[in-house]
Protein backbone atom coordinates (compact mmCIF):
# COMPACT_ATOMS: atom_id res chain seq x y z
CA MET A 1 89.55 75.82 116.26
CA ILE A 2 87.47 76.74 113.22
CA TYR A 3 83.71 76.47 113.40
CA SER A 4 81.39 76.08 110.44
CA GLU A 5 77.88 77.52 110.14
CA GLU A 6 76.45 74.01 110.45
CA ILE A 7 78.37 73.17 113.61
CA LEU A 8 77.34 76.43 115.24
CA GLY A 9 73.79 76.22 114.01
CA TYR A 10 74.03 79.53 112.15
CA GLY A 11 72.48 78.40 108.88
CA SER A 12 69.06 79.92 109.55
CA VAL A 13 70.68 83.01 111.08
CA MET A 14 72.65 83.64 107.90
CA GLU A 15 69.51 83.20 105.78
CA ASP A 16 67.71 85.78 107.93
CA TYR A 17 70.68 88.09 107.42
CA ARG A 18 70.55 87.72 103.63
CA THR A 19 66.88 88.68 103.66
CA ALA A 20 67.37 91.61 106.04
CA GLN A 21 70.19 93.10 103.96
CA GLU A 22 67.92 93.82 100.99
CA ALA A 23 67.29 97.18 102.72
CA PRO A 24 70.07 99.84 102.81
CA VAL A 25 72.56 99.40 105.64
CA ARG A 26 71.50 101.45 108.65
CA LEU A 27 73.99 100.18 111.21
CA SER A 28 77.65 99.26 110.98
CA ILE A 29 78.72 96.87 113.75
CA ILE A 30 82.48 96.95 114.32
CA ILE A 31 84.13 94.21 116.37
CA VAL A 32 87.84 94.24 117.17
CA SER A 33 89.13 90.75 117.88
CA MET A 34 92.37 89.06 118.82
CA GLY A 35 91.70 85.95 116.78
CA ARG A 36 88.70 83.65 116.75
CA ASP A 37 87.16 81.81 119.70
CA GLU A 38 83.79 80.66 121.04
CA LEU A 39 82.97 84.10 122.45
CA LEU A 40 83.39 85.83 119.08
CA ASP A 41 81.28 83.17 117.37
CA ALA A 42 78.56 83.53 120.01
CA CYS A 43 78.66 87.32 119.61
CA ILE A 44 78.15 87.09 115.84
CA ALA A 45 75.38 84.51 116.26
CA SER A 46 73.52 86.79 118.69
CA ILE A 47 73.69 89.64 116.17
CA GLY A 48 72.07 87.48 113.52
CA GLU A 49 69.39 86.34 115.96
CA PHE A 50 68.43 89.59 117.69
CA VAL A 51 69.40 92.57 115.52
CA SER A 52 66.51 93.56 113.25
CA VAL A 53 67.71 96.85 111.69
CA PRO A 54 69.61 96.51 108.39
CA TYR A 55 73.25 96.10 109.38
CA GLU A 56 76.72 95.11 108.32
CA ILE A 57 79.31 93.37 110.50
CA ILE A 58 82.95 94.39 110.21
CA VAL A 59 85.37 92.25 112.22
CA VAL A 60 88.85 93.76 112.48
CA ASN A 61 91.36 91.09 113.43
CA ASN A 62 94.39 92.25 115.41
CA SER A 63 95.86 88.76 115.40
CA ALA A 64 98.37 87.15 113.04
CA GLN A 65 96.04 84.17 112.64
CA ALA A 66 93.27 84.60 110.07
CA LEU A 67 89.70 84.40 111.36
CA GLY A 68 88.46 81.83 108.87
CA TYR A 69 85.07 83.42 108.15
CA ASP A 70 85.49 83.13 104.38
CA GLY A 71 82.19 82.78 102.60
CA TRP A 72 80.07 84.32 105.32
CA PRO A 73 77.95 87.03 103.68
CA ALA A 74 77.24 88.56 107.08
CA LEU A 75 80.85 89.43 107.67
CA CYS A 76 83.53 91.66 106.31
CA CYS A 77 86.84 90.56 107.81
CA LEU A 78 89.73 93.00 107.91
CA GLU A 79 92.99 91.22 108.68
CA ASN A 80 95.68 93.42 110.24
CA GLY A 81 98.17 90.58 110.64
CA LYS A 82 99.40 92.06 113.90
CA ASN A 83 98.12 93.93 116.95
CA LEU A 84 97.69 97.56 115.86
CA GLY A 85 95.84 98.55 119.01
CA PHE A 86 92.14 99.12 119.62
CA ALA A 87 91.83 102.65 118.23
CA ARG A 88 93.62 101.90 114.96
CA ALA A 89 91.57 98.77 114.44
CA VAL A 90 88.28 100.57 115.13
CA ASN A 91 89.24 103.40 112.77
CA ARG A 92 90.00 100.95 110.00
CA GLY A 93 86.56 99.44 110.49
CA ILE A 94 84.88 102.87 110.48
CA ARG A 95 86.64 103.82 107.24
CA GLU A 96 85.16 100.71 105.60
CA SER A 97 81.67 101.16 107.10
CA LYS A 98 78.54 102.49 105.39
CA GLY A 99 75.87 102.85 108.09
CA ASP A 100 74.71 106.18 109.50
CA MET A 101 75.07 104.56 112.94
CA VAL A 102 78.21 102.81 114.17
CA LEU A 103 78.11 100.24 116.97
CA LEU A 104 81.40 99.39 118.69
CA LEU A 105 80.97 95.91 120.13
CA ASN A 106 83.38 93.76 122.13
CA PRO A 107 83.82 90.18 120.92
CA ASP A 108 82.87 88.91 124.39
CA ALA A 109 79.46 90.65 124.37
CA CYS A 110 76.22 88.83 123.49
CA PHE A 111 72.72 90.10 122.72
CA THR A 112 69.76 88.39 124.41
CA SER A 113 67.07 90.66 122.95
CA ASP A 114 66.64 93.28 120.24
CA ILE A 115 68.06 96.26 122.14
CA VAL A 116 69.80 97.60 119.03
CA SER A 117 66.60 98.87 117.38
CA GLU A 118 65.70 100.68 120.61
CA MET A 119 69.15 102.30 120.78
CA VAL A 120 68.81 103.43 117.16
CA SER A 121 65.32 104.83 117.86
CA PHE A 122 66.58 106.70 120.92
CA LEU A 123 69.38 108.38 118.97
CA ASP A 124 66.99 109.22 116.13
CA GLU A 125 64.49 110.79 118.51
CA HIS A 126 67.06 112.88 120.41
CA GLU A 127 68.73 115.35 118.08
CA ARG A 128 71.55 116.33 120.41
CA ALA A 129 72.26 112.76 121.51
CA GLY A 130 75.43 111.54 119.79
CA ILE A 131 76.46 108.43 121.74
CA ALA A 132 74.45 105.85 123.66
CA GLY A 133 75.20 102.64 125.52
CA PRO A 134 73.13 99.95 127.30
CA GLN A 135 73.53 98.35 130.69
CA LEU A 136 76.28 95.74 130.70
CA ILE A 137 75.51 92.65 132.76
CA PHE A 138 77.37 89.52 133.77
CA PRO A 139 76.08 86.12 132.58
CA ASP A 140 74.45 85.68 135.99
CA GLY A 141 72.41 88.87 135.49
CA SER A 142 74.32 91.13 137.90
CA SER A 143 75.26 94.63 136.75
CA GLN A 144 78.62 95.82 135.50
CA ASN A 145 79.95 99.33 135.30
CA SER A 146 78.53 100.65 132.04
CA VAL A 147 79.49 104.31 132.36
CA ASP A 148 82.84 105.88 132.94
CA ILE A 149 84.15 109.04 134.52
CA ILE A 150 86.35 111.69 132.95
CA PRO A 151 89.78 111.56 134.64
CA ASN A 152 91.00 114.60 136.53
CA LEU A 153 93.47 115.22 139.33
CA LEU A 154 90.85 114.39 141.95
CA THR A 155 90.09 110.97 140.46
CA GLU A 156 93.81 110.21 140.22
CA PHE A 157 94.80 111.47 143.66
CA LEU A 158 91.90 109.93 145.58
CA ASN A 159 90.19 106.54 145.58
CA LYS A 160 87.79 106.37 142.63
CA SER A 161 85.43 103.97 144.36
CA LEU A 162 85.14 106.38 147.29
CA LEU A 163 84.35 109.27 144.94
CA LYS A 164 81.62 107.23 143.27
CA ILE A 165 80.04 106.57 146.67
CA LEU A 166 80.34 110.11 148.05
CA LEU A 167 79.58 112.00 144.80
CA PRO A 168 77.38 109.71 142.66
CA GLY A 169 76.05 112.66 140.66
CA ALA A 170 79.49 113.78 139.54
CA TYR A 171 80.99 110.29 139.37
CA PRO A 172 78.26 107.85 138.25
CA SER A 173 78.69 104.09 138.43
CA LYS A 174 76.60 100.93 138.75
CA ARG A 175 75.94 101.99 142.36
CA SER A 176 73.93 104.93 141.06
CA GLY A 177 71.00 102.59 140.38
CA PHE A 178 69.77 104.31 137.22
CA THR A 179 66.33 103.19 136.03
CA ARG A 180 65.73 105.70 133.21
CA PRO A 181 67.93 107.10 130.42
CA VAL A 182 70.47 109.50 131.88
CA ARG A 183 73.21 111.73 130.51
CA VAL A 184 76.68 110.57 131.56
CA PRO A 185 80.26 111.74 130.99
CA SER A 186 81.35 108.62 129.10
CA ILE A 187 80.26 105.14 128.00
CA ILE A 188 82.18 101.88 128.41
CA GLY A 189 83.23 100.84 124.90
CA ALA A 190 82.05 97.22 125.16
CA CYS A 191 78.80 98.30 123.48
CA MET A 192 78.72 101.89 122.32
CA MET A 193 76.53 103.29 119.52
CA ILE A 194 77.69 106.44 117.72
CA LYS A 195 75.93 108.65 115.22
CA ARG A 196 77.88 109.05 112.00
CA ARG A 197 77.45 112.81 112.41
CA VAL A 198 79.59 112.68 115.55
CA ILE A 199 82.45 111.04 113.66
CA ASP A 200 82.12 113.52 110.80
CA THR A 201 82.32 116.39 113.30
CA ILE A 202 85.09 115.36 115.71
CA GLY A 203 87.02 112.80 113.68
CA LEU A 204 87.97 109.20 114.41
CA LEU A 205 89.39 107.69 117.58
CA ASP A 206 92.79 109.01 118.59
CA GLU A 207 95.29 106.40 117.36
CA GLY A 208 97.86 107.67 119.83
CA TYR A 209 96.11 105.48 122.40
CA PHE A 210 97.18 101.88 121.95
CA LEU A 211 94.94 100.58 124.73
CA TYR A 212 92.82 102.23 127.46
CA LEU A 213 90.93 105.54 127.46
CA GLU A 214 90.22 105.58 123.72
CA GLU A 215 86.46 105.70 124.18
CA THR A 216 86.78 108.08 127.15
CA ASP A 217 88.78 110.48 124.99
CA PHE A 218 86.21 110.13 122.19
CA CYS A 219 83.28 110.80 124.51
CA LYS A 220 85.04 113.83 125.99
CA ARG A 221 85.65 115.26 122.52
CA ALA A 222 82.03 114.57 121.52
CA SER A 223 80.73 116.26 124.66
CA ASP A 224 82.98 119.28 124.09
CA ALA A 225 81.55 119.52 120.55
CA GLY A 226 77.99 119.76 121.93
CA PHE A 227 76.84 116.13 121.64
CA GLU A 228 75.12 114.35 124.52
CA ILE A 229 76.28 111.00 125.93
CA TRP A 230 73.44 108.77 127.16
CA HIS A 231 73.25 105.62 129.26
CA LEU A 232 70.16 103.45 128.65
CA PRO A 233 69.78 101.25 131.77
CA GLY A 234 66.57 99.60 130.54
CA LEU A 235 68.49 97.89 127.74
CA GLU A 236 70.81 95.05 128.71
CA ILE A 237 73.58 93.11 127.00
CA VAL A 238 75.62 90.22 128.44
CA HIS A 239 79.31 91.03 128.68
CA HIS A 240 81.76 88.28 129.62
CA GLN A 241 84.05 90.79 131.25
CA GLY A 242 87.59 89.59 131.63
CA LYS A 243 87.11 86.44 129.60
CA SER A 244 88.89 87.82 126.59
CA ALA A 245 91.40 89.93 128.50
CA ARG A 246 94.96 88.95 129.23
CA LYS A 247 96.63 89.22 132.55
CA PHE A 248 96.96 92.79 133.80
CA ASP A 249 100.75 92.68 133.96
CA THR A 250 103.41 95.36 134.03
CA ALA A 251 103.13 96.06 130.30
CA ARG A 252 99.43 96.77 130.67
CA LYS A 253 100.03 99.08 133.61
CA VAL A 254 102.63 100.95 131.59
CA GLU A 255 100.17 101.29 128.72
CA TYR A 256 97.45 102.55 131.08
CA ARG A 257 99.74 105.22 132.56
CA ARG A 258 100.86 106.27 129.08
CA SER A 259 97.24 106.64 127.98
CA MET A 260 96.42 108.63 131.11
CA TYR A 261 99.28 111.07 130.48
CA ARG A 262 98.15 111.46 126.88
CA PHE A 263 94.61 112.22 128.06
CA PHE A 264 95.83 114.86 130.52
CA LEU A 265 98.09 116.49 127.93
CA LYS A 266 95.13 116.79 125.55
CA HIS A 267 92.31 117.74 127.87
CA ARG A 268 93.86 119.32 130.96
CA PRO A 269 96.22 122.24 131.51
CA GLY A 270 99.86 121.29 131.12
CA CYS A 271 100.60 121.84 134.80
CA GLN A 272 98.09 119.12 135.71
CA ALA A 273 99.91 116.55 133.61
CA ALA A 274 103.16 117.48 135.41
CA LEU A 275 101.45 117.21 138.81
CA LEU A 276 100.06 113.81 137.87
CA TYR A 277 103.52 112.63 136.87
CA LEU A 278 105.09 113.78 140.15
CA PHE A 279 102.25 112.36 142.23
CA THR A 280 102.52 109.00 140.46
CA ILE A 281 106.25 108.78 141.19
CA LEU A 282 105.60 109.64 144.85
CA LYS A 283 102.80 107.08 145.07
CA LEU A 284 104.91 104.34 143.47
CA SER A 285 107.83 105.13 145.78
CA ILE A 286 105.59 104.79 148.85
CA GLU A 287 104.21 101.53 147.46
CA MET A 288 107.77 100.29 147.00
CA LEU A 289 108.61 100.98 150.62
CA GLY A 290 105.38 99.41 151.82
CA GLY A 291 105.89 96.40 149.56
CA LEU A 292 109.25 95.51 151.09
CA ALA A 293 107.52 94.07 154.14
CA ALA A 294 105.19 91.97 152.00
CA ALA A 295 108.07 90.65 149.87
CA VAL A 296 108.38 87.61 152.12
CA THR A 297 105.50 86.01 150.20
CA PRO A 298 105.59 85.05 146.49
CA ARG A 299 102.57 87.26 145.81
CA GLY A 300 104.21 90.19 147.59
CA ARG A 301 107.45 89.78 145.64
CA LYS A 302 105.55 89.69 142.37
CA ARG A 303 103.67 92.87 143.24
CA LEU A 304 106.88 94.58 144.35
CA LYS A 305 108.55 93.65 141.08
CA ARG A 306 105.68 95.19 139.05
CA THR A 307 105.76 98.38 141.12
CA ALA A 308 109.53 98.67 140.72
CA ALA A 309 109.27 98.21 136.95
CA LEU A 310 106.57 100.85 136.66
CA LEU A 311 108.59 103.29 138.79
CA LEU A 312 111.68 102.63 136.70
CA TRP A 313 109.70 103.34 133.52
CA HIS A 314 108.83 106.79 134.88
CA LEU A 315 112.37 107.54 136.03
CA VAL A 316 114.06 106.64 132.72
CA GLY A 317 111.81 108.92 130.70
CA MET A 318 108.82 106.67 129.89
CA PRO A 319 110.43 104.95 126.85
CA GLY A 320 108.07 104.04 124.04
CA GLU A 321 109.53 100.53 123.79
CA TRP A 322 107.95 99.59 127.13
CA GLY A 323 104.33 98.53 127.16
CA LEU A 324 102.07 96.55 124.87
CA GLU A 325 102.73 98.38 121.63
CA LYS A 326 105.71 96.89 119.86
CA VAL A 327 107.27 99.91 118.16
CA ALA A 328 110.84 98.63 118.05
CA PRO A 329 111.69 97.36 114.56
CA VAL A 330 111.93 93.60 114.16
CA TYR A 331 114.13 92.40 111.31
CA ARG A 332 116.96 90.03 110.33
CA LYS A 333 120.63 90.96 110.15
CA ILE A 334 122.76 88.92 107.71
CA ARG A 335 126.44 89.14 106.74
CA SER A 336 127.11 88.20 103.11
CA ASN A 337 129.42 89.21 100.27
CA GLY A 338 131.24 91.80 102.36
CA TYR A 339 127.99 93.57 103.32
CA THR A 340 125.81 93.63 106.40
CA TRP A 341 122.25 93.11 105.18
CA PHE A 342 119.02 94.12 106.88
CA VAL A 343 115.86 92.39 105.66
CA PRO A 344 112.28 92.23 107.02
CA GLU A 345 111.54 89.43 109.45
CA LYS A 346 110.26 87.14 106.67
CA GLY A 347 112.41 88.62 103.89
CA VAL A 348 115.50 87.30 102.09
CA ILE A 349 118.43 88.79 100.20
CA PRO A 350 117.45 88.84 96.50
CA PRO A 351 120.12 86.76 94.70
CA GLU A 352 120.28 89.18 91.75
CA ALA A 353 121.07 92.04 94.16
CA SER A 354 123.81 90.23 96.11
CA ASP A 355 126.25 92.74 94.59
CA PRO A 356 124.19 95.93 94.98
CA ALA A 357 126.70 98.20 93.19
CA ARG A 358 126.75 96.02 90.08
CA PHE A 359 122.98 95.48 90.26
CA MET A 360 122.36 99.23 90.34
CA GLU A 361 124.73 99.81 87.42
CA THR A 362 123.57 97.02 85.10
CA ALA A 363 120.00 96.03 86.00
CA LEU A 364 118.33 99.37 86.70
CA ASP A 365 117.94 101.85 83.89
CA THR A 366 116.12 104.97 85.12
CA VAL A 367 117.90 107.62 87.18
CA LEU A 368 115.44 109.36 89.50
CA ASN A 369 117.77 111.49 91.57
CA SER A 370 121.46 112.31 91.66
CA SER A 371 122.90 114.61 94.30
CA ARG A 372 125.92 114.98 96.52
CA THR A 373 124.35 112.79 99.21
CA THR A 374 122.20 110.23 97.32
CA PHE A 375 121.80 108.46 94.00
CA VAL A 376 118.48 106.78 93.12
CA LYS A 377 117.58 104.48 90.22
CA SER A 378 114.48 102.45 89.40
CA GLY A 379 113.86 99.33 87.37
CA LEU A 380 112.46 95.82 87.41
CA MET A 381 113.48 92.99 89.71
CA ASN A 382 111.63 89.70 89.29
CA GLY A 383 108.93 91.51 87.37
CA ARG A 384 108.23 94.14 90.02
CA MET A 385 109.25 97.76 90.04
CA ILE A 386 111.81 98.70 92.69
CA PHE A 387 113.68 101.81 93.77
CA LEU A 388 117.30 101.47 94.85
CA LYS A 389 118.95 104.34 96.72
CA ARG A 390 122.66 104.65 97.36
CA TYR A 391 123.84 106.92 100.16
CA ASN A 392 127.03 108.66 99.03
CA PHE A 393 130.09 109.23 101.18
CA LYS A 394 129.71 112.75 102.60
CA GLY A 395 133.22 113.32 103.90
CA PHE A 396 135.54 112.78 106.85
CA LYS A 397 133.24 114.39 109.41
CA ASP A 398 130.34 112.15 108.48
CA ALA A 399 132.62 109.10 108.48
CA VAL A 400 133.65 109.83 112.08
CA LYS A 401 130.02 110.26 113.15
CA ASN A 402 129.08 106.92 111.59
CA LEU A 403 131.62 105.19 113.81
CA PHE A 404 129.40 105.94 116.81
CA ARG A 405 125.87 105.86 115.37
CA LYS A 406 123.62 103.87 113.09
CA SER A 407 124.07 104.66 109.43
CA ARG A 408 121.47 106.63 107.49
CA VAL A 409 120.53 103.53 105.54
CA ARG A 410 119.94 101.51 108.69
CA ARG A 411 117.88 104.30 110.25
CA ALA A 412 115.81 104.53 107.06
CA PHE A 413 115.28 100.77 107.03
CA GLU A 414 114.24 100.65 110.69
CA GLY A 415 111.90 103.59 110.16
CA ALA A 416 110.18 101.79 107.29
CA VAL A 417 109.77 98.64 109.38
CA MET A 418 108.29 100.62 112.29
CA LEU A 419 105.82 102.49 110.09
CA GLU A 420 104.73 99.25 108.45
CA ASN A 421 104.27 97.60 111.85
CA CYS A 422 102.10 100.52 112.92
CA GLY A 423 99.95 100.39 109.80
CA LEU A 424 101.24 103.67 108.37
CA PRO A 425 101.73 103.77 104.59
CA THR A 426 105.29 103.73 103.32
CA PRO A 427 106.67 101.88 100.27
CA PRO A 428 107.45 98.31 101.44
CA VAL A 429 111.16 97.92 102.14
CA ILE A 430 112.90 94.95 100.47
CA PHE A 431 116.38 95.18 101.94
CA ALA A 432 119.10 97.52 103.12
CA CYS A 433 122.82 96.87 103.24
CA GLU A 434 126.04 98.59 104.25
CA LYS A 435 129.75 97.91 103.89
CA ARG A 436 132.19 98.97 106.60
CA VAL A 437 135.98 98.70 106.69
CA PHE A 438 137.37 98.86 110.23
CA GLY A 439 134.08 100.42 111.29
CA ILE A 440 134.19 103.15 108.62
CA LEU A 441 131.10 103.22 106.42
CA MET A 442 132.13 102.86 102.79
CA ASP A 443 128.95 101.96 100.91
CA SER A 444 125.22 101.64 101.68
CA TYR A 445 121.97 100.91 99.78
CA ILE A 446 118.27 100.58 100.47
CA ALA A 447 115.67 99.03 98.15
CA THR A 448 111.91 99.57 98.31
CA GLU A 449 109.00 98.41 96.21
CA GLY A 450 107.69 100.88 93.68
CA VAL A 451 104.31 102.52 94.28
CA ASP A 452 102.06 104.27 91.77
CA ALA A 453 102.35 107.75 93.21
CA TYR A 454 103.76 111.26 92.66
CA ASP A 455 105.62 113.35 95.17
CA LEU A 456 103.37 115.96 96.71
CA VAL A 457 105.18 119.00 95.27
CA ARG A 458 105.00 117.66 91.71
CA TYR A 459 101.38 116.63 92.23
CA VAL A 460 100.36 120.11 93.38
CA GLN A 461 102.31 121.83 90.59
CA THR A 462 100.63 119.74 87.87
CA ARG A 463 97.15 119.18 89.28
CA GLY A 464 96.66 121.85 91.93
CA SER A 465 95.95 121.32 95.60
CA GLY A 466 92.19 121.05 96.02
CA ALA A 467 90.28 120.51 99.27
CA GLY A 468 90.36 116.72 98.97
CA LEU A 469 94.15 116.57 98.79
CA ILE A 470 94.54 119.09 101.60
CA LEU A 471 92.27 117.07 103.90
CA ARG A 472 93.97 113.76 103.03
CA THR A 473 97.43 115.19 103.68
CA ALA A 474 96.45 116.84 106.96
CA GLY A 475 94.76 113.68 108.20
CA PHE A 476 97.78 111.57 107.27
CA ILE A 477 100.27 113.82 109.06
CA ARG A 478 97.95 114.04 112.08
CA ARG A 479 97.95 110.21 112.22
CA ILE A 480 101.75 110.14 112.10
CA HIS A 481 102.06 112.65 114.92
CA GLU A 482 99.32 111.02 117.01
CA MET A 483 101.26 107.77 116.93
CA GLY A 484 104.41 109.51 118.10
CA PHE A 485 106.40 109.67 114.87
CA VAL A 486 108.12 112.89 113.88
CA PRO A 487 109.65 112.91 110.38
CA VAL A 488 112.29 115.60 110.86
CA ASP A 489 112.66 116.15 107.12
CA LEU A 490 108.93 116.59 106.45
CA LYS A 491 108.93 118.25 103.06
CA GLY A 492 106.60 117.87 100.11
CA GLU A 493 109.09 115.75 98.15
CA ASN A 494 109.01 113.12 100.91
CA LEU A 495 105.24 112.61 100.66
CA LEU A 496 103.96 110.49 97.77
CA VAL A 497 100.35 110.88 96.65
CA GLY A 498 98.72 107.71 95.35
CA ARG A 499 95.21 107.00 94.21
CA ASP A 500 94.02 105.76 97.62
CA MET A 501 96.68 106.81 100.10
CA ILE A 502 99.66 108.99 100.90
CA TYR A 503 103.09 107.47 101.57
CA LEU A 504 105.93 108.78 103.72
CA ILE A 505 109.46 108.23 102.39
CA ASP A 506 113.06 109.22 103.19
CA LEU A 507 112.95 107.93 106.75
CA ASP A 508 116.56 108.20 107.90
CA ARG A 509 115.57 111.16 110.09
CA LEU A 510 112.35 109.70 111.50
CA GLY A 511 112.06 110.56 115.19
CA ARG A 512 109.88 108.95 117.84
CA ARG A 513 108.19 111.03 120.54
CA ARG A 514 105.10 109.60 122.17
CA PHE A 515 103.76 113.08 123.06
CA PRO A 516 104.91 115.65 120.45
CA GLY A 517 104.41 119.16 121.85
CA ILE A 518 103.51 122.46 120.18
CA ARG A 519 107.17 123.32 119.57
CA THR A 520 107.87 120.00 117.86
CA ILE A 521 104.69 120.21 115.76
CA THR A 522 105.44 123.80 114.72
CA LYS A 523 108.96 122.96 113.63
CA ASN A 524 107.82 119.86 111.76
CA LEU A 525 104.94 121.51 109.89
CA SER A 526 107.04 124.51 108.92
CA TYR A 527 109.20 122.22 106.76
CA LEU A 528 106.11 121.15 104.85
CA ASN A 529 104.76 124.68 104.64
CA ALA A 530 108.04 125.89 103.17
CA SER A 531 107.72 123.35 100.34
CA PHE A 532 104.69 125.25 99.03
CA ALA A 533 105.65 128.89 99.41
CA ARG A 534 103.73 129.87 96.29
CA GLU A 535 101.55 126.89 95.32
CA ILE A 536 99.19 126.70 98.29
CA PRO A 537 96.82 129.66 98.89
CA CYS A 538 96.03 130.94 102.39
CA ARG A 539 92.54 129.39 102.45
CA ASP A 540 94.04 125.92 101.80
CA ARG A 541 96.63 126.43 104.54
CA LYS A 542 93.82 127.26 106.97
CA LEU A 543 91.86 124.21 105.81
CA PHE A 544 94.95 122.08 106.41
CA LEU A 545 95.37 123.40 109.94
CA ASP A 546 91.67 122.92 110.76
CA GLU A 547 91.82 119.30 109.67
CA TYR A 548 95.17 118.66 111.35
CA ALA A 549 93.93 119.97 114.71
CA LYS A 550 90.67 118.01 114.47
CA GLY A 551 90.17 115.76 117.47
CA ASN A 552 92.88 117.37 119.61
CA PRO A 553 91.41 119.94 122.05
CA LEU A 554 94.90 121.22 122.86
CA LEU A 555 95.51 122.17 119.22
CA GLU A 556 91.95 123.20 118.36
CA GLY A 557 92.13 125.93 120.98
CA LYS A 558 95.46 127.20 119.66
CA LYS A 559 94.98 126.98 115.88
CA ASP A 560 95.54 130.70 115.33
CA LEU A 561 98.68 130.69 117.48
CA LEU A 562 99.93 127.50 115.82
CA GLY A 563 99.32 129.00 112.37
CA GLN A 564 101.27 132.15 113.29
CA LEU A 565 104.17 130.13 114.69
CA ILE A 566 104.31 127.92 111.61
CA GLU A 567 104.20 130.90 109.26
CA GLY A 568 106.91 132.74 111.18
CA LEU A 569 109.26 129.76 111.17
CA THR A 570 108.47 129.12 107.49
CA GLN A 571 109.56 132.63 106.53
CA LYS A 572 112.84 132.14 108.41
CA ARG A 573 113.45 128.88 106.54
CA LEU A 574 112.70 130.50 103.20
CA ALA A 575 114.97 133.45 104.00
CA ARG A 576 117.86 131.10 104.75
CA ARG A 577 117.12 129.02 101.66
CA TYR A 578 117.20 131.95 99.24
CA SER A 579 119.78 134.12 100.94
CA GLY A 580 122.58 134.73 98.56
């Protein structure tokens, strides 16, 4: 249902907003939504009524359905078109924000007084304070948990509620009965105000978390960087907890465990993550045995089924396809004209390209690359620039391999679809196709839209590196790795530098590891480092590594070691490349 300003009674609120925004924006309010409902509308209305500091509202929509706030001057709507996860959505909002304070606000939270100005004043008055949050309350006025604890082995092995009762100082909760501002380990992200300086220092939220522990990870990183986290119990905001949440099913439990393992791998010694894994399997196994007796009831059977699924997820290697994040590529497979075609979910086979060999020969005029393995041409199709790549037949050995695996063209197509689904820049894929005779791959093509960009090697050779480019590239690769993608062939020629973004191409060797380790990162970055043996000076390489490790305590503490490992492996690659 779509609500107008008149129906909601927001007309005067919007007029007040227009007047208030004559002053420079002080606060950026970022709301991540899963579509539009009464709670989101009420949240926005309460902002207009009770927030007095100059602000902007950025609503990031993780739903396929548009929000319908067109024409509202109070709102900037960012449509993702799909669920990219909380961290990615927040980061997109932060990148678009202008305020020197950022307020993360749940769509099911509502202001009942002007607590925002007091939160801003508190952060202004306390130099070391970096993050602050109010007391969350239910609509009936009762308190909710507004602070969080930092997970460790003790919190995971024992009952958290018991720890909060026995050790309230170390594990604060709503039972602590705070009456004055107090430093805490972490703030619940339903209403969390952050100084811009914190973001500039430690980076954005870790996009490797799809759901759960994003704000806990952020608070831990902020605290480690010397910023204080404060809970302000005298300030209250109504939070309709659970009203906007879906059922806590197996997928959510999988996502929670995945986030917990990621947190331990980042912030705890590696042995603790292994102990947590083993303990979790033991705990789930005991629950399975105990649940057999309760399986006589429908509720018991349902619980047993969830426990079994979660245990199975651990035993089969914690596959990335399980959980809430949909990383598996979704596309259409069509057989036509002797080819098997792969097109995006809403795509079609371009009629002019129904014979890709003839289309490449007659319709495209510019040869971009010609080698033993690939042939690439560019040209116009329906008025838009496209790139068409043909994968050449590599020999008998490769033909035998392709009998038992996906072709390079299919892997490249699926990689492009996955990156696009995850909001990572890559030239939009139009189609891919392959021709097989008795299972033997004979011919294959992939077409992508053209982008206004240069490959990174050419860009550096003509324009130089510069700090801006180094930081952009490092941040982009960090994002890719955080989200579990490992482009095996990560060389400068496979990164395209555009005016506003960097694109990853040549995706037939794109791997997926949810938790890339030091060894994987070293190997991956050495490919890129080898692309610039002479062009990039040492100071820029150090700047790259500093930016890449930003936000990951595991890497920040091992930057020197990581740099040495990368350099050593780079020299080996270069020696092999130029030997003979």
